[in-house]
Amino acid sequence: MCQLNMAFSDKQMFEAIGNNADVKECFTKISDACKELKSKTGCPDDDVDRFLEFAIGRWQ
């Protein structure tokens, strides 16, 4: 089985966010949800990062 690894630089990601309204909207929603999670639970950034990694893993 071939696994595709498409790594993007931060610059490429910010360009994609800035150039595509749908991507920008999703990025904003995810950012706001992470801020809300941190605010309501008081969890550290590392826990929010781990939560996002877990959520991403559910898509596979």
C-alpha atoms as a PDB file:
ATOM      1  CA  MET A   1       0.000   0.000   0.000  1.00  0.00           C
ATOM      2  CA  CYS A   2       1.372   3.399  -0.978  1.00  0.00           C
ATOM      3  CA  GLN A   3       0.994   6.211   1.521  1.00  0.00           C
ATOM      4  CA  LEU A   4       1.121   9.738   0.156  1.00  0.00           C
ATOM      5  CA  ASN A   5       2.942  12.252   2.337  1.00  0.00           C
ATOM      6  CA  MET A   6       2.261  15.815   1.279  1.00  0.00           C
ATOM      7  CA  ALA A   7       4.181  18.047   3.657  1.00  0.00           C
ATOM      8  CA  PHE A   8       3.579  21.756   3.254  1.00  0.00           C
ATOM      9  CA  SER A   9       5.722  24.561   4.609  1.00  0.00           C
ATOM     10  CA  ASP A  10       4.154  27.165   6.894  1.00  0.00           C
ATOM     11  CA  LYS A  11       4.459  29.683   4.062  1.00  0.00           C
ATOM     12  CA  GLN A  12       2.538  27.384   1.682  1.00  0.00           C
ATOM     13  CA  MET A  13      -0.158  26.797   4.295  1.00  0.00           C
ATOM     14  CA  PHE A  14      -0.619  30.526   4.976  1.00  0.00           C
ATOM     15  CA  GLU A  15      -0.761  31.207   1.231  1.00  0.00           C
ATOM     16  CA  ALA A  16      -3.465  28.557   0.834  1.00  0.00           C
ATOM     17  CA  ILE A  17      -5.408  30.021   3.755  1.00  0.00           C
ATOM     18  CA  GLY A  18      -5.134  33.541   2.349  1.00  0.00           C
ATOM     19  CA  ASN A  19      -5.976  32.599  -1.227  1.00  0.00           C
ATOM     20  CA  ASN A  20      -8.979  30.335  -0.703  1.00  0.00           C
ATOM     21  CA  ALA A  21     -12.116  31.546   1.061  1.00  0.00           C
ATOM     22  CA  ASP A  22     -13.256  28.018   1.982  1.00  0.00           C
ATOM     23  CA  VAL A  23      -9.870  27.131   3.472  1.00  0.00           C
ATOM     24  CA  LYS A  24      -9.762  30.447   5.345  1.00  0.00           C
ATOM     25  CA  GLU A  25     -13.249  29.907   6.768  1.00  0.00           C
ATOM     26  CA  CYS A  26     -12.377  26.403   7.962  1.00  0.00           C
ATOM     27  CA  PHE A  27      -9.087  27.585   9.458  1.00  0.00           C
ATOM     28  CA  THR A  28     -10.933  30.327  11.336  1.00  0.00           C
ATOM     29  CA  LYS A  29     -13.532  27.887  12.662  1.00  0.00           C
ATOM     30  CA  ILE A  30     -10.870  25.431  13.828  1.00  0.00           C
ATOM     31  CA  SER A  31      -8.844  28.229  15.438  1.00  0.00           C
ATOM     32  CA  ASP A  32     -11.917  29.572  17.233  1.00  0.00           C
ATOM     33  CA  ALA A  33     -12.872  26.077  18.441  1.00  0.00           C
ATOM     34  CA  CYS A  34      -9.372  25.529  19.832  1.00  0.00           C
ATOM     35  CA  LYS A  35      -9.457  28.885  21.631  1.00  0.00           C
ATOM     36  CA  GLU A  36     -12.870  28.028  23.082  1.00  0.00           C
ATOM     37  CA  LEU A  37     -11.662  24.592  24.194  1.00  0.00           C
ATOM     38  CA  LYS A  38      -8.637  26.122  25.900  1.00  0.00           C
ATOM     39  CA  SER A  39     -10.719  28.885  27.501  1.00  0.00           C
ATOM     40  CA  LYS A  40     -13.424  26.567  28.837  1.00  0.00           C
ATOM     41  CA  THR A  41     -11.148  23.778  30.034  1.00  0.00           C
ATOM     42  CA  GLY A  42      -7.963  25.632  30.918  1.00  0.00           C
ATOM     43  CA  CYS A  43      -5.952  22.919  29.171  1.00  0.00           C
ATOM     44  CA  PRO A  44      -2.446  23.747  27.948  1.00  0.00           C
ATOM     45  CA  ASP A  45      -1.553  24.215  24.273  1.00  0.00           C
ATOM     46  CA  ASP A  46       0.033  20.741  24.178  1.00  0.00           C
ATOM     47  CA  ASP A  47      -3.311  19.177  25.113  1.00  0.00           C
ATOM     48  CA  VAL A  48      -5.095  21.116  22.366  1.00  0.00           C
ATOM     49  CA  ASP A  49      -2.402  19.977  19.906  1.00  0.00           C
ATOM     50  CA  ARG A  50      -2.851  16.360  21.013  1.00  0.00           C
ATOM     51  CA  PHE A  51      -6.637  16.668  20.664  1.00  0.00           C
ATOM     52  CA  LEU A  52      -6.223  17.912  17.084  1.00  0.00           C
ATOM     53  CA  GLU A  53      -3.824  15.049  16.319  1.00  0.00           C
ATOM     54  CA  PHE A  54      -6.388  12.607  17.725  1.00  0.00           C
ATOM     55  CA  ALA A  55      -9.197  14.145  15.643  1.00  0.00           C
ATOM     56  CA  ILE A  56      -7.064  14.001  12.499  1.00  0.00           C
ATOM     57  CA  GLY A  57      -6.310  10.350  13.190  1.00  0.00           C
ATOM     58  CA  ARG A  58     -10.039   9.582  13.199  1.00  0.00           C
ATOM     59  CA  TRP A  59     -10.260  10.610   9.537  1.00  0.00           C
ATOM     60  CA  GLN A  60      -7.876   7.917   8.376  1.00  0.00           C
END
